Protein backbone atom coordinates (compact mmCIF):
# COMPACT_ATOMS: atom_id res chain seq x y z
CA MET A 1 118.80 -300.12 43.63
CA GLY A 2 117.35 -297.01 45.20
CA LYS A 3 120.29 -294.88 44.13
CA LYS A 4 120.14 -296.26 40.62
CA ASP A 5 116.47 -295.34 40.28
CA GLY A 6 117.14 -291.87 41.63
CA LEU A 7 114.67 -292.23 44.48
CA ILE A 8 116.99 -291.40 47.34
CA SER A 9 117.59 -287.70 48.01
CA LYS A 10 119.49 -285.94 50.72
CA GLY A 11 118.09 -284.83 54.05
CA ARG A 12 114.37 -285.09 54.67
CA TYR A 13 113.69 -286.47 51.18
CA GLU A 14 115.38 -289.86 51.79
CA LEU A 15 113.27 -292.96 51.25
CA LYS A 16 113.12 -293.74 54.95
CA PHE A 17 111.22 -290.48 55.50
CA ARG A 18 108.69 -291.05 52.67
CA GLY A 19 105.06 -291.57 53.76
CA VAL A 20 102.12 -293.40 52.20
CA LYS A 21 99.73 -290.50 52.75
CA CYS A 22 100.13 -286.78 52.28
CA LEU A 23 100.34 -285.02 55.64
CA ASN A 24 98.67 -281.94 54.15
CA CYS A 25 95.68 -283.22 52.13
CA GLY A 26 95.60 -286.96 52.93
CA HIS A 27 96.08 -288.05 49.31
CA PRO A 28 97.48 -291.64 49.00
CA LEU A 29 101.17 -291.68 48.05
CA ASP A 30 103.81 -294.12 46.89
CA VAL A 31 107.35 -294.12 48.23
CA SER A 32 108.47 -292.97 44.79
CA ASP A 33 106.46 -289.78 45.15
CA LYS A 34 108.78 -286.99 46.21
CA TYR A 35 105.85 -284.54 46.16
CA CYS A 36 102.11 -284.99 46.53
CA PRO A 37 100.46 -284.93 43.06
CA ASN A 38 97.34 -283.37 44.60
CA CYS A 39 98.70 -280.39 46.59
CA SER A 40 102.45 -280.40 45.71
CA GLN A 41 103.64 -280.64 49.34
CA ALA A 42 106.91 -282.53 49.88
CA ASN A 43 106.41 -286.19 50.86
CA SER A 44 108.42 -286.30 54.07
CA THR A 45 107.63 -287.32 57.62
CA LYS A 46 110.86 -285.99 59.07
CA LYS A 47 110.56 -283.21 61.66
CA LEU A 48 111.64 -279.76 60.50
CA THR A 49 114.99 -278.45 61.68
CA LEU A 50 116.02 -274.82 61.64
CA LYS A 51 118.42 -275.49 58.77
CA VAL A 52 115.78 -277.24 56.65
CA PHE A 53 113.25 -274.49 57.40
CA PHE A 54 115.54 -271.72 56.07
CA ASP A 55 116.71 -273.88 53.14
CA GLU A 56 113.09 -274.29 51.99
CA PHE A 57 112.42 -270.58 52.50
CA PHE A 58 115.31 -269.46 50.29
CA SER A 59 114.52 -272.17 47.77
CA SER A 60 110.96 -270.90 47.32
CA LEU A 61 112.23 -267.32 47.21
CA ILE A 62 114.70 -268.13 44.42
CA ASN A 63 111.97 -270.03 42.57
CA TYR A 64 109.65 -266.98 42.78
CA ASP A 65 112.44 -264.68 41.65
CA SER A 66 113.18 -266.87 38.63
CA LYS A 67 109.49 -266.84 37.66
CA LEU A 68 109.43 -263.06 38.09
CA LEU A 69 112.53 -262.64 35.94
CA ARG A 70 111.05 -264.83 33.20
CA THR A 71 107.87 -262.72 33.27
CA LEU A 72 109.82 -259.46 33.06
CA SER A 73 112.02 -260.81 30.30
CA ALA A 74 109.04 -261.96 28.23
CA LEU A 75 107.20 -258.66 28.76
CA LEU A 76 110.15 -256.49 27.77
CA LEU A 77 111.67 -258.55 24.96
CA ARG A 78 108.81 -260.51 23.37
CA PRO A 79 105.67 -258.38 22.92
CA GLY A 80 102.49 -260.48 22.92
CA ARG A 81 104.38 -263.76 23.39
CA ILE A 82 103.79 -264.00 27.13
CA THR A 83 100.01 -263.65 26.67
CA LYS A 84 100.02 -266.25 23.89
CA ASP A 85 101.96 -268.69 26.09
CA TYR A 86 99.74 -268.07 29.11
CA VAL A 87 96.49 -268.47 27.16
CA ASN A 88 97.79 -271.67 25.54
CA GLY A 89 98.41 -273.23 28.96
CA LYS A 90 102.03 -272.36 29.75
CA ARG A 91 101.18 -270.77 33.10
CA ILE A 92 103.51 -272.17 35.73
CA THR A 93 106.43 -270.45 33.97
CA TYR A 94 105.08 -266.93 34.58
CA THR A 95 103.57 -265.05 37.49
CA ASN A 96 99.80 -264.63 37.68
CA PRO A 97 98.86 -261.63 35.44
CA PHE A 98 96.34 -260.20 37.91
CA ARG A 99 98.66 -260.45 40.91
CA PHE A 100 101.58 -259.11 38.89
CA LEU A 101 99.61 -256.05 37.73
CA LEU A 102 98.32 -255.39 41.25
CA SER A 103 101.86 -255.44 42.66
CA LEU A 104 103.18 -253.09 39.96
CA ALA A 105 100.25 -250.70 40.37
CA PHE A 106 100.82 -250.43 44.12
CA LEU A 107 104.56 -249.95 43.62
CA TYR A 108 104.11 -247.20 41.04
CA PHE A 109 101.46 -245.22 42.92
CA LEU A 110 103.41 -245.65 46.15
CA LEU A 111 106.41 -244.02 44.47
CA ILE A 112 104.25 -241.18 43.15
CA THR A 113 102.61 -240.60 46.52
CA TYR A 114 105.87 -240.39 48.45
CA ASN A 115 108.11 -238.56 46.01
CA ASN A 116 106.94 -235.15 47.39
CA ARG A 117 105.82 -234.05 43.93
CA PHE A 118 102.50 -232.68 45.18
CA SER A 119 103.01 -232.22 48.93
CA SER A 120 104.72 -228.88 48.29
CA PHE A 121 101.37 -227.52 47.09
CA ASP A 122 100.20 -227.29 50.73
CA THR A 123 103.00 -224.96 51.79
CA THR A 124 102.81 -223.01 48.53
CA PHE A 125 99.22 -222.02 49.21
CA LYS A 126 99.96 -221.14 52.84
CA ASN A 127 102.90 -218.95 51.86
CA TYR A 128 100.57 -216.64 49.99
CA ASP A 129 98.92 -215.61 53.27
CA GLY A 130 95.48 -216.25 51.84
CA THR A 131 95.97 -214.45 48.55
CA ILE A 132 96.66 -215.60 45.04
CA TYR A 133 98.66 -212.57 44.00
CA ASN A 134 100.52 -210.40 46.42
CA GLY A 135 99.36 -206.79 46.11
CA SER A 136 96.31 -207.75 44.05
CA PRO A 137 93.00 -206.09 45.01
CA ILE A 138 91.29 -209.44 44.41
CA LYS A 139 92.20 -211.81 47.22
CA PHE A 140 91.42 -215.45 47.78
CA ASP A 141 90.93 -216.93 51.23
CA VAL A 142 92.28 -220.51 51.09
CA ASP A 143 90.38 -221.63 54.18
CA SER A 144 86.98 -220.23 53.25
CA GLY A 145 87.35 -220.60 49.50
CA ASP A 146 85.98 -217.07 48.89
CA PHE A 147 87.21 -214.26 46.65
CA GLU A 148 87.26 -210.85 48.27
CA VAL A 149 87.85 -207.42 46.82
CA ASP A 150 90.07 -205.01 48.71
CA SER A 151 88.28 -201.77 47.76
CA VAL A 152 91.10 -199.59 49.15
CA ALA A 153 93.76 -201.39 47.12
CA LEU A 154 91.50 -201.41 44.07
CA GLU A 155 90.89 -197.68 44.31
CA LYS A 156 94.59 -197.00 44.76
CA GLN A 157 95.57 -199.13 41.77
CA SER A 158 92.83 -197.56 39.65
CA LYS A 159 94.06 -194.05 40.47
CA ASN A 160 97.63 -195.02 39.61
CA ALA A 161 96.52 -196.56 36.34
CA ILE A 162 94.42 -193.50 35.45
CA HIS A 163 97.25 -191.15 36.35
CA LYS A 164 99.65 -193.07 34.10
CA LEU A 165 97.18 -193.11 31.24
CA ASP A 166 96.17 -189.46 31.53
CA SER A 167 99.25 -188.29 29.68
CA ILE A 168 98.69 -190.92 26.97
CA THR A 169 95.02 -189.96 26.69
CA ASN A 170 95.93 -186.34 26.01
CA GLU A 171 97.89 -187.54 23.02
CA ASP A 172 95.32 -190.14 21.96
CA PRO A 173 91.70 -189.27 22.89
CA GLU A 174 90.51 -192.68 21.66
CA LEU A 175 91.76 -194.21 24.94
CA SER A 176 89.04 -192.44 26.96
CA PRO A 177 86.57 -195.38 26.70
CA GLN A 178 89.22 -197.72 28.16
CA LEU A 179 89.67 -195.45 31.16
CA GLU A 180 85.93 -195.27 31.72
CA PHE A 181 85.78 -199.06 31.56
CA LEU A 182 88.53 -199.41 34.21
CA ASP A 183 86.72 -196.98 36.48
CA SER A 184 83.41 -198.83 35.99
CA LEU A 185 85.11 -202.14 36.70
CA GLY A 186 86.50 -200.83 39.97
CA VAL A 187 83.08 -199.61 41.07
CA PHE A 188 81.48 -202.91 40.06
CA MET A 189 84.01 -205.05 42.00
CA SER A 190 83.70 -202.80 45.03
CA THR A 191 79.91 -203.15 44.90
CA ILE A 192 80.19 -206.95 44.80
CA ASN A 193 82.41 -206.86 47.88
CA ASP A 194 79.94 -204.62 49.72
CA VAL A 195 77.01 -206.92 48.89
CA LYS A 196 78.97 -209.93 50.14
CA LYS A 197 79.80 -208.17 53.40
CA GLN A 198 76.14 -207.29 53.94
CA LYS A 199 75.12 -210.90 53.33
CA ASP A 200 77.80 -212.17 55.74
CA SER A 201 76.63 -209.73 58.43
CA PHE A 202 73.04 -210.99 58.02
CA MET A 203 74.20 -214.61 58.32
CA ASN A 204 76.24 -213.80 61.42
CA ALA A 205 73.36 -211.89 63.04
CA ASP A 206 70.80 -214.71 62.78
CA PRO A 207 72.27 -217.96 61.38
CA PRO A 208 69.18 -220.16 62.12
CA GLY A 209 66.84 -217.58 60.62
CA TYR A 210 69.01 -217.13 57.54
CA PHE A 211 69.24 -220.88 56.99
CA LYS A 212 65.45 -221.31 57.28
CA SER A 213 64.95 -218.52 54.76
CA LEU A 214 66.90 -220.60 52.23
CA GLU A 215 64.04 -223.12 52.10
CA LYS A 216 62.05 -220.52 50.13
CA GLU A 217 64.66 -220.53 47.37
CA SER A 218 64.37 -222.66 44.24
CA ARG A 219 65.86 -226.14 44.48
CA LYS A 220 68.92 -225.17 42.45
CA ASN A 221 69.69 -221.99 44.41
CA ARG A 222 68.82 -223.63 47.72
CA LEU A 223 71.64 -226.18 47.55
CA SER A 224 74.29 -223.68 46.42
CA LYS A 225 73.34 -221.20 49.16
CA LYS A 226 73.36 -223.91 51.81
CA VAL A 227 76.86 -224.87 50.67
CA GLU A 228 77.86 -221.20 51.00
CA PHE A 229 76.30 -221.04 54.49
CA PHE A 230 78.11 -224.13 55.76
CA ARG A 231 81.38 -223.03 54.18
CA HIS A 232 81.18 -219.74 56.04
CA PHE A 233 80.38 -221.22 59.46
CA ILE A 234 82.71 -224.22 59.22
CA LYS A 235 85.51 -221.68 58.97
CA LYS A 236 84.04 -219.21 61.47
CA ASP A 237 82.99 -221.64 64.23
CA THR A 238 85.34 -224.57 63.47
CA LEU A 239 82.56 -227.08 62.91
CA LEU A 240 83.90 -230.63 62.80
CA ASN A 241 80.77 -232.51 61.72
CA PHE A 242 77.17 -232.00 60.65
CA GLN A 243 75.82 -232.85 64.11
CA GLN A 244 77.56 -229.78 65.56
CA ALA A 245 76.01 -227.56 62.88
CA GLN A 246 72.61 -229.18 63.47
CA GLU A 247 72.67 -228.48 67.21
CA LYS A 248 74.22 -224.99 66.99
CA TYR A 249 71.94 -223.58 64.28
CA ASN A 250 68.80 -225.70 64.77
CA ILE A 251 69.10 -227.33 61.34
CA ASP A 252 66.96 -230.28 60.30
CA LYS A 253 68.76 -233.50 59.50
CA THR A 254 67.87 -234.02 55.86
CA SER A 255 69.84 -235.63 53.05
CA THR A 256 70.18 -232.25 51.30
CA ASN A 257 71.52 -230.49 54.40
CA THR A 258 73.92 -233.32 55.16
CA MET A 259 75.16 -233.39 51.57
CA ALA A 260 75.64 -229.61 51.55
CA PHE A 261 77.68 -229.74 54.77
CA ASN A 262 79.87 -232.65 53.61
CA PHE A 263 80.45 -230.98 50.26
CA SER A 264 81.46 -227.69 51.92
CA ASN A 265 83.73 -229.45 54.40
CA SER A 266 85.45 -231.46 51.66
CA ILE A 267 85.99 -228.42 49.45
CA LEU A 268 87.53 -226.45 52.32
CA LYS A 269 89.93 -229.31 53.07
CA VAL A 270 90.89 -229.58 49.41
CA MET A 271 91.50 -225.82 49.20
CA SER A 272 93.62 -225.77 52.34
CA GLN A 273 95.60 -228.98 51.57
CA PRO A 274 95.60 -229.48 47.80
CA GLY A 275 98.84 -231.45 47.73
CA THR A 276 97.71 -233.91 50.39
CA TRP A 277 94.39 -234.34 48.59
CA ILE A 278 96.10 -235.09 45.25
CA ASN A 279 98.41 -237.64 46.88
CA GLU A 280 95.53 -239.41 48.63
CA THR A 281 93.48 -239.48 45.44
CA ILE A 282 96.37 -240.91 43.44
CA SER A 283 96.81 -243.64 46.05
CA LYS A 284 93.26 -244.82 45.21
CA LEU A 285 93.94 -245.21 41.50
CA PRO A 286 95.25 -248.83 41.69
CA PHE A 287 91.78 -249.89 42.80
CA ILE A 288 90.14 -247.84 40.03
CA ILE A 289 92.29 -249.54 37.37
CA PHE A 290 90.79 -252.94 38.14
CA PHE A 291 87.33 -251.55 37.40
CA PHE A 292 88.55 -249.68 34.34
CA LEU A 293 90.39 -252.47 32.50
CA PRO A 294 87.46 -254.95 32.39
CA VAL A 295 85.32 -252.24 30.77
CA PHE A 296 88.04 -251.44 28.23
CA THR A 297 88.43 -255.16 27.49
CA VAL A 298 84.82 -255.21 26.27
CA PHE A 299 85.89 -252.94 23.39
CA ILE A 300 88.85 -255.22 22.61
CA SER A 301 86.45 -258.17 22.46
CA LEU A 302 84.19 -256.27 20.04
CA VAL A 303 87.09 -255.24 17.80
CA TYR A 304 88.35 -258.84 17.63
CA ILE A 305 84.89 -260.43 17.70
CA ARG A 306 85.74 -262.84 14.87
CA ASN A 307 88.77 -264.09 16.77
CA ASN A 308 88.67 -267.35 18.71
CA TYR A 309 89.86 -265.75 21.94
CA THR A 310 87.49 -265.47 24.90
CA TYR A 311 86.84 -262.36 27.00
CA THR A 312 89.22 -263.71 29.66
CA ASP A 313 91.98 -264.08 27.06
CA HIS A 314 91.51 -260.44 26.03
CA LEU A 315 91.55 -259.43 29.70
CA ILE A 316 94.88 -261.22 30.27
CA PHE A 317 96.24 -259.37 27.23
CA SER A 318 95.12 -256.07 28.85
CA PHE A 319 96.72 -257.04 32.17
CA HIS A 320 100.06 -257.83 30.55
CA ASN A 321 100.16 -254.58 28.56
CA GLN A 322 99.13 -252.49 31.55
CA SER A 323 101.84 -254.22 33.60
CA LEU A 324 104.47 -253.19 31.08
CA LEU A 325 103.15 -249.61 31.15
CA PHE A 326 103.61 -249.50 34.92
CA ILE A 327 107.13 -250.93 34.58
CA LEU A 328 108.08 -248.22 32.07
CA LEU A 329 106.45 -245.44 34.10
CA THR A 330 108.25 -246.65 37.24
CA LEU A 331 111.60 -246.56 35.41
CA SER A 332 110.74 -243.09 34.12
CA LEU A 333 109.86 -241.88 37.62
CA ILE A 334 113.12 -243.24 39.06
CA LEU A 335 115.20 -241.61 36.31
CA ASP A 336 113.35 -238.30 36.69
CA THR A 337 113.95 -238.33 40.45
CA ILE A 338 117.67 -239.13 40.13
CA PHE A 339 118.59 -236.88 37.21
CA ASN A 340 115.87 -234.21 37.58
CA ILE A 341 114.60 -234.70 34.01
CA ASP A 342 111.29 -235.52 32.34
CA SER A 343 111.55 -238.83 30.49
CA SER A 344 107.88 -239.86 30.56
CA GLY A 345 107.36 -238.95 26.88
CA ILE A 346 110.15 -241.29 25.77
CA PHE A 347 108.82 -244.21 27.80
CA LEU A 348 105.25 -243.64 26.58
CA LEU A 349 106.57 -243.73 23.00
CA ILE A 350 108.32 -247.03 23.77
CA PHE A 351 105.06 -248.39 25.17
CA GLY A 352 103.17 -247.28 22.05
CA LEU A 353 105.56 -249.22 19.81
CA TYR A 354 105.45 -252.22 22.14
CA LEU A 355 101.64 -252.27 22.14
CA TYR A 356 101.52 -252.35 18.33
CA LYS A 357 103.99 -255.27 18.27
CA ALA A 358 102.02 -257.09 20.98
CA MET A 359 98.74 -256.74 19.07
CA ARG A 360 100.32 -258.11 15.88
CA LYS A 361 101.94 -261.04 17.69
CA PHE A 362 98.98 -262.04 19.83
CA TYR A 363 96.13 -261.56 17.34
CA GLY A 364 98.16 -262.41 14.22
CA GLN A 365 96.60 -259.85 11.87
CA GLY A 366 98.23 -257.77 9.14
CA ARG A 367 99.75 -254.31 9.51
CA PHE A 368 96.82 -252.31 8.10
CA LYS A 369 94.13 -253.99 10.23
CA THR A 370 96.33 -253.78 13.31
CA ILE A 371 97.03 -250.05 12.79
CA VAL A 372 93.32 -249.24 12.35
CA LYS A 373 92.36 -251.21 15.47
CA TYR A 374 95.34 -249.78 17.34
CA ILE A 375 94.19 -246.20 16.67
CA PHE A 376 90.57 -246.99 17.54
CA LEU A 377 91.37 -248.83 20.80
CA ASN A 378 93.82 -246.16 21.95
CA THR A 379 91.18 -243.48 21.33
CA ILE A 380 88.66 -245.44 23.40
CA PHE A 381 91.30 -245.99 26.08
CA MET A 382 92.03 -242.25 26.36
CA ILE A 383 88.33 -241.35 26.56
CA LEU A 384 87.67 -243.94 29.26
CA ALA A 385 90.84 -242.96 31.16
CA ILE A 386 89.96 -239.23 31.18
CA PHE A 387 86.38 -239.99 32.22
CA THR A 388 87.59 -242.32 35.00
CA ILE A 389 90.13 -239.79 36.31
CA ILE A 390 87.54 -237.01 36.36
CA LEU A 391 85.09 -239.20 38.28
CA THR A 392 87.82 -240.29 40.69
CA PHE A 393 88.98 -236.77 41.53
CA ALA A 394 85.41 -235.43 41.67
CA GLY A 395 84.36 -238.22 44.03
CA SER A 396 87.50 -237.73 46.10
CA GLY A 397 86.85 -233.99 46.35
CA LEU A 398 83.30 -234.59 47.59
CA THR A 399 84.33 -237.16 50.20
CA TYR A 400 87.76 -235.89 51.30
């Protein structure tokens, strides 16, 4: 009779191994219960064998893969349908939207971080030997972050330029003002360099005295000059933290002084390792997205305020669309890496078309209303995205 009723299964699911109480949560069971209705654990009292252990592992893995494939299929082929199904209660079929987006975000930014797209910036800056342009009289020290004027090179280039223009000036006297301007510019840049050298020599002669003199400056100038002071001596004396600067130059431990030191130290690191800084900042973006999307969803809720959907429903819609964007960008990144092309524009265009279809399917409004709301929401999205990226990189630069 047991076989006829379909109660007997192979292995550890046979009737003789069925219990009357769940071993996991203690919920009362009947022998007909193959799984606990409370926690879904298999109703079996049989001891695990190595074979059964690996059978269950691969079974759950295949089950997860099938759910993942159904989610990917719905996202790629049926815009808006997956959100509609999920909101209406069909949730066991698909992966959790939040977890799915988190996994895709980490995957995408991991690929960006380790594809060596920005790491080459570090060596590029070092190969210039501290200058932006080889042979230029205006030089940039990557470590200190200062521009310096090579007065000898400037004078030499000015003389060469004047010599070349002398013959032209004889033919066209109207060029004389331009020559006078070049000469004045050279004198002006040389003067700036001399003033900077004098200031540096004063700082080097009496660092504690110079720093105390900054307290007499206005609040605005005081902070900028303290940043300049710390930037100079971090490079000169290899200061590793504010405590070293405090002890060496008898500096008071105030919030302004600490902030000025940290800011200077961060800027110097960014200038010396720009590629590493960009990679590390990008790696933080997955966390930023989960603060950004809930804010953007507020605007979706306002645009569709007459709709019956809740804020959570709109948020799930945002999660699904952002997940597809990461899928497309990941495919674009892989193709670009393999074939050395730039396909991001094509995939962004595909996403734009998909988003329009998803909005029409999920919210069920006509073409005109959907297009107007599509344009408005995308404008808001771009403004928020730019603002978020600026804040992220600015904060990263100050704390690097």
